[in-house]
């Protein structure tokens, strides 16, 4: 079992083997999920500012880009 020591500020150093396995890079976030009496650590995915736009143009599939832009601009 891999272990880590908790500092007085509640911080830990994640063992290199775990960081490598999860692909954790400096500055990335981790999530903690509780299931029963066990906590699981998961790498969180970064959300792109463009995620809110995904799927917005599905209804316009097959149209030319210029037509879509003109329509969106109200021309």
C-alpha atoms as a PDB file:
ATOM      1  CA  UNK A   1       0.000   0.000   0.000  1.00  0.00           C
ATOM      2  CA  UNK A   2       1.262   3.473  -0.878  1.00  0.00           C
ATOM      3  CA  UNK A   3       1.057   6.074   1.864  1.00  0.00           C
ATOM      4  CA  UNK A   4       1.403   9.850   2.237  1.00  0.00           C
ATOM      5  CA  UNK A   5       1.953  11.979   5.320  1.00  0.00           C
ATOM      6  CA  UNK A   6      -0.471  14.835   6.061  1.00  0.00           C
ATOM      7  CA  UNK A   7       1.103  18.202   6.951  1.00  0.00           C
ATOM      8  CA  UNK A   8      -0.228  20.562   9.627  1.00  0.00           C
ATOM      9  CA  UNK A   9      -2.030  22.428   6.802  1.00  0.00           C
ATOM     10  CA  UNK A  10      -3.809  19.259   5.648  1.00  0.00           C
ATOM     11  CA  UNK A  11      -1.626  18.877   2.556  1.00  0.00           C
ATOM     12  CA  UNK A  12      -0.156  15.661   1.204  1.00  0.00           C
ATOM     13  CA  UNK A  13       2.344  14.756  -1.473  1.00  0.00           C
ATOM     14  CA  UNK A  14       0.789  12.276  -3.874  1.00  0.00           C
ATOM     15  CA  UNK A  15       3.223   9.432  -4.563  1.00  0.00           C
ATOM     16  CA  UNK A  16       4.823   9.569  -8.020  1.00  0.00           C
ATOM     17  CA  UNK A  17       3.424   6.146  -8.936  1.00  0.00           C
ATOM     18  CA  UNK A  18      -0.127   7.428  -8.323  1.00  0.00           C
ATOM     19  CA  UNK A  19       0.485  10.712 -10.196  1.00  0.00           C
ATOM     20  CA  UNK A  20       1.865   8.806 -13.167  1.00  0.00           C
ATOM     21  CA  UNK A  21      -0.999   6.281 -13.190  1.00  0.00           C
ATOM     22  CA  UNK A  22      -3.656   9.037 -13.065  1.00  0.00           C
ATOM     23  CA  UNK A  23      -1.749  11.383 -15.383  1.00  0.00           C
ATOM     24  CA  UNK A  24      -1.823  14.176 -12.798  1.00  0.00           C
ATOM     25  CA  UNK A  25       0.158  17.300 -13.687  1.00  0.00           C
ATOM     26  CA  UNK A  26       1.024  20.280 -11.436  1.00  0.00           C
ATOM     27  CA  UNK A  27      -1.916  22.690 -11.131  1.00  0.00           C
ATOM     28  CA  UNK A  28      -4.596  20.117 -11.981  1.00  0.00           C
ATOM     29  CA  UNK A  29      -7.534  19.422  -9.673  1.00  0.00           C
ATOM     30  CA  UNK A  30      -8.566  16.215  -7.969  1.00  0.00           C
ATOM     31  CA  UNK A  31     -12.044  15.224  -6.860  1.00  0.00           C
ATOM     32  CA  UNK A  32     -12.968  13.212  -3.778  1.00  0.00           C
ATOM     33  CA  UNK A  33     -16.001  10.921  -3.801  1.00  0.00           C
ATOM     34  CA  UNK A  34     -17.354   9.078  -0.796  1.00  0.00           C
ATOM     35  CA  UNK A  35     -18.897   5.670  -1.220  1.00  0.00           C
ATOM     36  CA  UNK A  36     -19.873   4.105   2.060  1.00  0.00           C
ATOM     37  CA  UNK A  37     -16.907   4.472   4.362  1.00  0.00           C
ATOM     38  CA  UNK A  38     -14.368   4.773   1.534  1.00  0.00           C
ATOM     39  CA  UNK A  39     -13.159   7.902  -0.253  1.00  0.00           C
ATOM     40  CA  UNK A  40     -12.021   7.707  -3.856  1.00  0.00           C
ATOM     41  CA  UNK A  41      -9.684  10.226  -5.462  1.00  0.00           C
ATOM     42  CA  UNK A  42     -10.373  11.029  -9.101  1.00  0.00           C
ATOM     43  CA  UNK A  43      -8.718  13.329 -11.576  1.00  0.00           C
ATOM     44  CA  UNK A  44     -11.215  16.018 -12.564  1.00  0.00           C
ATOM     45  CA  UNK A  45     -11.590  17.032 -16.169  1.00  0.00           C
ATOM     46  CA  UNK A  46     -11.075  20.628 -17.138  1.00  0.00           C
ATOM     47  CA  UNK A  47     -14.091  22.272 -18.692  1.00  0.00           C
ATOM     48  CA  UNK A  48     -13.504  24.318 -21.766  1.00  0.00           C
ATOM     49  CA  UNK A  49     -15.210  27.707 -22.072  1.00  0.00           C
ATOM     50  CA  UNK A  50     -16.496  26.362 -25.395  1.00  0.00           C
ATOM     51  CA  UNK A  51     -18.340  23.390 -23.826  1.00  0.00           C
ATOM     52  CA  UNK A  52     -21.543  25.450 -23.550  1.00  0.00           C
ATOM     53  CA  UNK A  53     -21.625  25.751 -27.335  1.00  0.00           C
ATOM     54  CA  UNK A  54     -21.303  22.049 -28.129  1.00  0.00           C
ATOM     55  CA  UNK A  55     -24.258  20.834 -30.155  1.00  0.00           C
ATOM     56  CA  UNK A  56     -25.727  24.297 -30.814  1.00  0.00           C
ATOM     57  CA  UNK A  57     -25.348  24.008 -34.590  1.00  0.00           C
ATOM     58  CA  UNK A  58     -26.655  20.443 -35.049  1.00  0.00           C
ATOM     59  CA  UNK A  59     -29.877  21.726 -36.612  1.00  0.00           C
ATOM     60  CA  UNK A  60     -27.820  23.573 -39.228  1.00  0.00           C
ATOM     61  CA  UNK A  61     -25.754  20.587 -40.307  1.00  0.00           C
ATOM     62  CA  UNK A  62     -25.244  20.625 -44.071  1.00  0.00           C
ATOM     63  CA  UNK A  63     -25.557  24.404 -44.409  1.00  0.00           C
ATOM     64  CA  UNK A  64     -22.673  26.534 -45.621  1.00  0.00           C
ATOM     65  CA  UNK A  65     -20.699  28.383 -42.970  1.00  0.00           C
ATOM     66  CA  UNK A  66     -21.477  31.784 -44.514  1.00  0.00           C
ATOM     67  CA  UNK A  67     -25.211  31.013 -44.430  1.00  0.00           C
ATOM     68  CA  UNK A  68     -25.055  30.022 -40.766  1.00  0.00           C
ATOM     69  CA  UNK A  69     -23.139  33.189 -39.829  1.00  0.00           C
ATOM     70  CA  UNK A  70     -25.539  35.423 -41.773  1.00  0.00           C
ATOM     71  CA  UNK A  71     -28.519  33.702 -40.103  1.00  0.00           C
ATOM     72  CA  UNK A  72     -27.012  34.060 -36.633  1.00  0.00           C
ATOM     73  CA  UNK A  73     -26.311  37.747 -37.263  1.00  0.00           C
ATOM     74  CA  UNK A  74     -29.871  38.291 -38.464  1.00  0.00           C
ATOM     75  CA  UNK A  75     -29.076  39.119 -42.079  1.00  0.00           C
END
